[in-house]
Amino acid sequence: ELKGELKSGKLTLKDVLSRSGDDIVGKMKVSNVLESLPGVGKVRAQKLMEELDISASRRVRGLGAKQREKFKK
């Protein structure tokens, strides 16, 4: 459901990051969240994560403060 809302534009990346305390959001992999955004596929998501120095296995809850700031931009 969350991925569908991201894909349709009902939710933004900022909205998702602000809900990281929520169990469902916190347990999602960052790569899955990125791939749910319009215009972002597996390759682009992987490149973004490399640029932001985020591990492929990282979950939303595990993002540090600096990573969150970079991620929001």
PDB file of N, CA and C in Angstrom:
ATOM      1  N   GLU A   1       0.833  -1.194   0.000  1.00  0.00           N
ATOM      2  CA  GLU A   1       0.000   0.000   0.000  1.00  0.00           C
ATOM      3  C   GLU A   1       0.878   1.258   0.000  1.00  0.00           C
ATOM      4  N   LEU A   2       1.892   1.250   0.847  1.00  0.00           N
ATOM      5  CA  LEU A   2       2.797   2.394   0.948  1.00  0.00           C
ATOM      6  C   LEU A   2       3.537   2.609  -0.376  1.00  0.00           C
ATOM      7  N   LYS A   3       3.991   1.528  -0.981  1.00  0.00           N
ATOM      8  CA  LYS A   3       4.699   1.628  -2.256  1.00  0.00           C
ATOM      9  C   LYS A   3       3.788   2.213  -3.329  1.00  0.00           C
ATOM     10  N   GLY A   4       2.524   1.808  -3.333  1.00  0.00           N
ATOM     11  CA  GLY A   4       1.562   2.324  -4.303  1.00  0.00           C
ATOM     12  C   GLY A   4       1.342   3.815  -4.134  1.00  0.00           C
ATOM     13  N   GLU A   5       1.277   4.259  -2.887  1.00  0.00           N
ATOM     14  CA  GLU A   5       1.098   5.687  -2.620  1.00  0.00           C
ATOM     15  C   GLU A   5       2.316   6.488  -3.054  1.00  0.00           C
ATOM     16  N   LEU A   6       3.500   5.918  -2.884  1.00  0.00           N
ATOM     17  CA  LEU A   6       4.716   6.579  -3.354  1.00  0.00           C
ATOM     18  C   LEU A   6       4.706   6.675  -4.877  1.00  0.00           C
ATOM     19  N   LYS A   7       4.381   5.573  -5.520  1.00  0.00           N
ATOM     20  CA  LYS A   7       4.384   5.496  -6.977  1.00  0.00           C
ATOM     21  C   LYS A   7       3.399   6.497  -7.579  1.00  0.00           C
ATOM     22  N   SER A   8       2.225   6.631  -6.943  1.00  0.00           N
ATOM     23  CA  SER A   8       1.192   7.527  -7.469  1.00  0.00           C
ATOM     24  C   SER A   8       1.442   8.999  -7.119  1.00  0.00           C
ATOM     25  N   GLY A   9       2.349   9.238  -6.191  1.00  0.00           N
ATOM     26  CA  GLY A   9       2.666  10.607  -5.810  1.00  0.00           C
ATOM     27  C   GLY A   9       1.865  11.117  -4.616  1.00  0.00           C
ATOM     28  N   LYS A  10       1.048  10.256  -4.014  1.00  0.00           N
ATOM     29  CA  LYS A  10       0.279  10.661  -2.833  1.00  0.00           C
ATOM     30  C   LYS A  10       1.192  10.922  -1.651  1.00  0.00           C
ATOM     31  N   LEU A  11       2.282  10.169  -1.582  1.00  0.00           N
ATOM     32  CA  LEU A  11       3.281  10.343  -0.527  1.00  0.00           C
ATOM     33  C   LEU A  11       4.601  10.756  -1.157  1.00  0.00           C
ATOM     34  N   THR A  12       5.381  11.531  -0.406  1.00  0.00           N
ATOM     35  CA  THR A  12       6.717  11.896  -0.859  1.00  0.00           C
ATOM     36  C   THR A  12       7.745  11.131  -0.028  1.00  0.00           C
ATOM     37  N   LEU A  13       8.974  11.189  -0.453  1.00  0.00           N
ATOM     38  CA  LEU A  13      10.055  10.545   0.278  1.00  0.00           C
ATOM     39  C   LEU A  13      10.168  11.128   1.685  1.00  0.00           C
ATOM     40  N   LYS A  14       9.961  12.429   1.801  1.00  0.00           N
ATOM     41  CA  LYS A  14      10.000  13.090   3.109  1.00  0.00           C
ATOM     42  C   LYS A  14       8.940  12.514   4.048  1.00  0.00           C
ATOM     43  N   ASP A  15       7.734  12.280   3.489  1.00  0.00           N
ATOM     44  CA  ASP A  15       6.652  11.701   4.292  1.00  0.00           C
ATOM     45  C   ASP A  15       7.049  10.337   4.838  1.00  0.00           C
ATOM     46  N   VAL A  16       7.653   9.532   3.987  1.00  0.00           N
ATOM     47  CA  VAL A  16       8.054   8.182   4.384  1.00  0.00           C
ATOM     48  C   VAL A  16       9.132   8.242   5.463  1.00  0.00           C
ATOM     49  N   LEU A  17      10.115   9.103   5.272  1.00  0.00           N
ATOM     50  CA  LEU A  17      11.196   9.215   6.256  1.00  0.00           C
ATOM     51  C   LEU A  17      10.678   9.722   7.603  1.00  0.00           C
ATOM     52  N   SER A  18       9.675  10.558   7.588  1.00  0.00           N
ATOM     53  CA  SER A  18       9.133  11.067   8.851  1.00  0.00           C
ATOM     54  C   SER A  18       8.362   9.986   9.603  1.00  0.00           C
ATOM     55  N   ARG A  19       7.973   8.924   8.894  1.00  0.00           N
ATOM     56  CA  ARG A  19       7.245   7.825   9.518  1.00  0.00           C
ATOM     57  C   ARG A  19       8.148   6.626   9.816  1.00  0.00           C
ATOM     58  N   SER A  20       9.439   6.830   9.896  1.00  0.00           N
ATOM     59  CA  SER A  20      10.372   5.717  10.081  1.00  0.00           C
ATOM     60  C   SER A  20      10.204   5.012  11.425  1.00  0.00           C
ATOM     61  N   GLY A  21       9.535   5.647  12.379  1.00  0.00           N
ATOM     62  CA  GLY A  21       9.261   5.010  13.665  1.00  0.00           C
ATOM     63  C   GLY A  21       8.177   3.945  13.545  1.00  0.00           C
ATOM     64  N   ASP A  22       7.378   4.046  12.505  1.00  0.00           N
ATOM     65  CA  ASP A  22       6.331   3.066  12.217  1.00  0.00           C
ATOM     66  C   ASP A  22       7.001   1.742  11.841  1.00  0.00           C
ATOM     67  N   ASP A  23       6.549   0.626  12.425  1.00  0.00           N
ATOM     68  CA  ASP A  23       7.179  -0.677  12.171  1.00  0.00           C
ATOM     69  C   ASP A  23       7.225  -1.043  10.698  1.00  0.00           C
ATOM     70  N   ILE A  24       6.146  -0.813   9.982  1.00  0.00           N
ATOM     71  CA  ILE A  24       6.091  -1.198   8.567  1.00  0.00           C
ATOM     72  C   ILE A  24       7.122  -0.407   7.768  1.00  0.00           C
ATOM     73  N   VAL A  25       7.160   0.897   7.974  1.00  0.00           N
ATOM     74  CA  VAL A  25       8.103   1.755   7.247  1.00  0.00           C
ATOM     75  C   VAL A  25       9.530   1.459   7.686  1.00  0.00           C
ATOM     76  N   GLY A  26       9.756   1.334   8.964  1.00  0.00           N
ATOM     77  CA  GLY A  26      11.097   1.102   9.495  1.00  0.00           C
ATOM     78  C   GLY A  26      11.738  -0.172   8.992  1.00  0.00           C
ATOM     79  N   LYS A  27      10.930  -1.194   8.732  1.00  0.00           N
ATOM     80  CA  LYS A  27      11.468  -2.475   8.285  1.00  0.00           C
ATOM     81  C   LYS A  27      11.665  -2.564   6.772  1.00  0.00           C
ATOM     82  N   MET A  28      11.195  -1.559   6.034  1.00  0.00           N
ATOM     83  CA  MET A  28      11.361  -1.566   4.574  1.00  0.00           C
ATOM     84  C   MET A  28      12.808  -1.272   4.209  1.00  0.00           C
ATOM     85  N   LYS A  29      13.287  -1.922   3.172  1.00  0.00           N
ATOM     86  CA  LYS A  29      14.632  -1.623   2.693  1.00  0.00           C
ATOM     87  C   LYS A  29      14.609  -0.297   1.944  1.00  0.00           C
ATOM     88  N   VAL A  30      15.666   0.458   2.102  1.00  0.00           N
ATOM     89  CA  VAL A  30      15.775   1.761   1.451  1.00  0.00           C
ATOM     90  C   VAL A  30      15.669   1.595  -0.067  1.00  0.00           C
ATOM     91  N   SER A  31      16.275   0.541  -0.601  1.00  0.00           N
ATOM     92  CA  SER A  31      16.226   0.318  -2.045  1.00  0.00           C
ATOM     93  C   SER A  31      14.790   0.125  -2.524  1.00  0.00           C
ATOM     94  N   ASN A  32      13.962  -0.577  -1.747  1.00  0.00           N
ATOM     95  CA  ASN A  32      12.563  -0.778  -2.120  1.00  0.00           C
ATOM     96  C   ASN A  32      11.793   0.534  -2.118  1.00  0.00           C
ATOM     97  N   VAL A  33      12.085   1.385  -1.157  1.00  0.00           N
ATOM     98  CA  VAL A  33      11.414   2.688  -1.086  1.00  0.00           C
ATOM     99  C   VAL A  33      11.792   3.515  -2.316  1.00  0.00           C
ATOM    100  N   LEU A  34      13.072   3.552  -2.636  1.00  0.00           N
ATOM    101  CA  LEU A  34      13.522   4.317  -3.801  1.00  0.00           C
ATOM    102  C   LEU A  34      12.900   3.793  -5.089  1.00  0.00           C
ATOM    103  N   GLU A  35      12.857   2.476  -5.240  1.00  0.00           N
ATOM    104  CA  GLU A  35      12.306   1.881  -6.457  1.00  0.00           C
ATOM    105  C   GLU A  35      10.817   2.153  -6.590  1.00  0.00           C
ATOM    106  N   SER A  36      10.151   2.495  -5.502  1.00  0.00           N
ATOM    107  CA  SER A  36       8.728   2.804  -5.533  1.00  0.00           C
ATOM    108  C   SER A  36       8.449   4.225  -6.004  1.00  0.00           C
ATOM    109  N   LEU A  37       9.488   5.043  -6.057  1.00  0.00           N
ATOM    110  CA  LEU A  37       9.303   6.418  -6.511  1.00  0.00           C
ATOM    111  C   LEU A  37       9.125   6.456  -8.028  1.00  0.00           C
ATOM    112  N   PRO A  38       8.294   7.386  -8.516  1.00  0.00           N
ATOM    113  CA  PRO A  38       8.114   7.493  -9.971  1.00  0.00           C
ATOM    114  C   PRO A  38       9.433   7.832 -10.663  1.00  0.00           C
ATOM    115  N   GLY A  39       9.737   7.123 -11.718  1.00  0.00           N
ATOM    116  CA  GLY A  39      10.947   7.395 -12.499  1.00  0.00           C
ATOM    117  C   GLY A  39      12.218   6.797 -11.939  1.00  0.00           C
ATOM    118  N   VAL A  40      12.107   5.991 -10.890  1.00  0.00           N
ATOM    119  CA  VAL A  40      13.298   5.368 -10.293  1.00  0.00           C
ATOM    120  C   VAL A  40      13.146   3.856 -10.373  1.00  0.00           C
ATOM    121  N   GLY A  41      14.103   3.223 -11.048  1.00  0.00           N
ATOM    122  CA  GLY A  41      14.114   1.764 -11.140  1.00  0.00           C
ATOM    123  C   GLY A  41      15.253   1.199 -10.321  1.00  0.00           C
ATOM    124  N   LYS A  42      15.541  -0.069 -10.537  1.00  0.00           N
ATOM    125  CA  LYS A  42      16.599  -0.736  -9.759  1.00  0.00           C
ATOM    126  C   LYS A  42      17.961  -0.084  -9.961  1.00  0.00           C
ATOM    127  N   VAL A  43      18.300   0.217 -11.208  1.00  0.00           N
ATOM    128  CA  VAL A  43      19.630   0.772 -11.499  1.00  0.00           C
ATOM    129  C   VAL A  43      19.786   2.158 -10.893  1.00  0.00           C
ATOM    130  N   ARG A  44      18.791   3.007 -11.092  1.00  0.00           N
ATOM    131  CA  ARG A  44      18.881   4.368 -10.555  1.00  0.00           C
ATOM    132  C   ARG A  44      18.892   4.361  -9.026  1.00  0.00           C
ATOM    133  N   ALA A  45      18.102   3.480  -8.433  1.00  0.00           N
ATOM    134  CA  ALA A  45      18.083   3.364  -6.972  1.00  0.00           C
ATOM    135  C   ALA A  45      19.454   2.940  -6.456  1.00  0.00           C
ATOM    136  N   GLN A  46      20.073   1.991  -7.147  1.00  0.00           N
ATOM    137  CA  GLN A  46      21.401   1.514  -6.739  1.00  0.00           C
ATOM    138  C   GLN A  46      22.430   2.637  -6.837  1.00  0.00           C
ATOM    139  N   LYS A  47      22.367   3.430  -7.911  1.00  0.00           N
ATOM    140  CA  LYS A  47      23.309   4.545  -8.075  1.00  0.00           C
ATOM    141  C   LYS A  47      23.120   5.583  -6.980  1.00  0.00           C
ATOM    142  N   LEU A  48      21.860   5.890  -6.665  1.00  0.00           N
ATOM    143  CA  LEU A  48      21.585   6.862  -5.599  1.00  0.00           C
ATOM    144  C   LEU A  48      22.141   6.380  -4.267  1.00  0.00           C
ATOM    145  N   MET A  49      21.946   5.114  -3.975  1.00  0.00           N
ATOM    146  CA  MET A  49      22.432   4.566  -2.707  1.00  0.00           C
ATOM    147  C   MET A  49      23.955   4.581  -2.648  1.00  0.00           C
ATOM    148  N   GLU A  50      24.601   4.323  -3.783  1.00  0.00           N
ATOM    149  CA  GLU A  50      26.066   4.384  -3.814  1.00  0.00           C
ATOM    150  C   GLU A  50      26.543   5.811  -3.577  1.00  0.00           C
ATOM    151  N   GLU A  51      25.876   6.780  -4.220  1.00  0.00           N
ATOM    152  CA  GLU A  51      26.256   8.185  -4.058  1.00  0.00           C
ATOM    153  C   GLU A  51      26.100   8.636  -2.605  1.00  0.00           C
ATOM    154  N   LEU A  52      25.058   8.143  -1.943  1.00  0.00           N
ATOM    155  CA  LEU A  52      24.781   8.541  -0.562  1.00  0.00           C
ATOM    156  C   LEU A  52      25.472   7.648   0.453  1.00  0.00           C
ATOM    157  N   ASP A  53      26.235   6.679  -0.038  1.00  0.00           N
ATOM    158  CA  ASP A  53      26.978   5.751   0.812  1.00  0.00           C
ATOM    159  C   ASP A  53      26.042   4.999   1.766  1.00  0.00           C
ATOM    160  N   ILE A  54      24.984   4.412   1.173  1.00  0.00           N
ATOM    161  CA  ILE A  54      24.023   3.625   1.940  1.00  0.00           C
ATOM    162  C   ILE A  54      24.136   2.179   1.475  1.00  0.00           C
ATOM    163  N   SER A  55      24.289   1.270   2.403  1.00  0.00           N
ATOM    164  CA  SER A  55      24.407  -0.151   2.097  1.00  0.00           C
ATOM    165  C   SER A  55      23.143  -0.667   1.430  1.00  0.00           C
ATOM    166  N   ALA A  56      23.282  -1.634   0.531  1.00  0.00           N
ATOM    167  CA  ALA A  56      22.145  -2.204  -0.192  1.00  0.00           C
ATOM    168  C   ALA A  56      21.154  -2.891   0.743  1.00  0.00           C
ATOM    169  N   SER A  57      21.621  -3.362   1.877  1.00  0.00           N
ATOM    170  CA  SER A  57      20.748  -4.075   2.804  1.00  0.00           C
ATOM    171  C   SER A  57      20.155  -3.164   3.891  1.00  0.00           C
ATOM    172  N   ARG A  58      20.463  -1.876   3.836  1.00  0.00           N
ATOM    173  CA  ARG A  58      20.022  -0.928   4.867  1.00  0.00           C
ATOM    174  C   ARG A  58      18.501  -0.773   4.862  1.00  0.00           C
ATOM    175  N   ARG A  59      17.937  -0.724   6.044  1.00  0.00           N
ATOM    176  CA  ARG A  59      16.500  -0.495   6.186  1.00  0.00           C
ATOM    177  C   ARG A  59      16.271   0.958   6.591  1.00  0.00           C
ATOM    178  N   VAL A  60      15.068   1.457   6.363  1.00  0.00           N
ATOM    179  CA  VAL A  60      14.762   2.865   6.634  1.00  0.00           C
ATOM    180  C   VAL A  60      15.065   3.228   8.081  1.00  0.00           C
ATOM    181  N   ARG A  61      14.725   2.352   9.012  1.00  0.00           N
ATOM    182  CA  ARG A  61      14.968   2.611  10.435  1.00  0.00           C
ATOM    183  C   ARG A  61      16.461   2.759  10.734  1.00  0.00           C
ATOM    184  N   GLY A  62      17.303   2.105   9.951  1.00  0.00           N
ATOM    185  CA  GLY A  62      18.740   2.102  10.207  1.00  0.00           C
ATOM    186  C   GLY A  62      19.499   3.272   9.630  1.00  0.00           C
ATOM    187  N   LEU A  63      18.805   4.197   8.970  1.00  0.00           N
ATOM    188  CA  LEU A  63      19.497   5.357   8.408  1.00  0.00           C
ATOM    189  C   LEU A  63      19.929   6.306   9.511  1.00  0.00           C
ATOM    190  N   GLY A  64      21.150   6.798   9.398  1.00  0.00           N
ATOM    191  CA  GLY A  64      21.640   7.779  10.363  1.00  0.00           C
ATOM    192  C   GLY A  64      21.134   9.165  10.026  1.00  0.00           C
ATOM    193  N   ALA A  65      21.348  10.114  10.908  1.00  0.00           N
ATOM    194  CA  ALA A  65      20.857  11.486  10.724  1.00  0.00           C
ATOM    195  C   ALA A  65      21.440  12.131   9.463  1.00  0.00           C
ATOM    196  N   LYS A  66      22.740  11.949   9.244  1.00  0.00           N
ATOM    197  CA  LYS A  66      23.376  12.545   8.065  1.00  0.00           C
ATOM    198  C   LYS A  66      22.859  11.902   6.784  1.00  0.00           C
ATOM    199  N   GLN A  67      22.647  10.587   6.811  1.00  0.00           N
ATOM    200  CA  GLN A  67      22.121   9.896   5.638  1.00  0.00           C
ATOM    201  C   GLN A  67      20.699  10.377   5.331  1.00  0.00           C
ATOM    202  N   ARG A  68      19.910  10.584   6.359  1.00  0.00           N
ATOM    203  CA  ARG A  68      18.540  11.080   6.167  1.00  0.00           C
ATOM    204  C   ARG A  68      18.550  12.452   5.504  1.00  0.00           C
ATOM    205  N   GLU A  69      19.444  13.320   5.961  1.00  0.00           N
ATOM    206  CA  GLU A  69      19.529  14.672   5.380  1.00  0.00           C
ATOM    207  C   GLU A  69      19.878  14.595   3.898  1.00  0.00           C
ATOM    208  N   LYS A  70      20.883  13.792   3.557  1.00  0.00           N
ATOM    209  CA  LYS A  70      21.283  13.646   2.157  1.00  0.00           C
ATOM    210  C   LYS A  70      20.162  13.012   1.346  1.00  0.00           C
ATOM    211  N   PHE A  71      19.489  12.056   1.953  1.00  0.00           N
ATOM    212  CA  PHE A  71      18.442  11.287   1.302  1.00  0.00           C
ATOM    213  C   PHE A  71      17.245  12.176   0.954  1.00  0.00           C
ATOM    214  N   LYS A  72      16.944  13.148   1.789  1.00  0.00           N
ATOM    215  CA  LYS A  72      15.800  14.032   1.567  1.00  0.00           C
ATOM    216  C   LYS A  72      16.023  14.968   0.377  1.00  0.00           C
ATOM    217  N   LYS A  73      17.277  15.210   0.058  1.00  0.00           N
ATOM    218  CA  LYS A  73      17.584  16.131  -1.045  1.00  0.00           C
ATOM    219  C   LYS A  73      17.433  15.379  -2.310  1.00  0.00           C
TER     220      LYS A  73
END
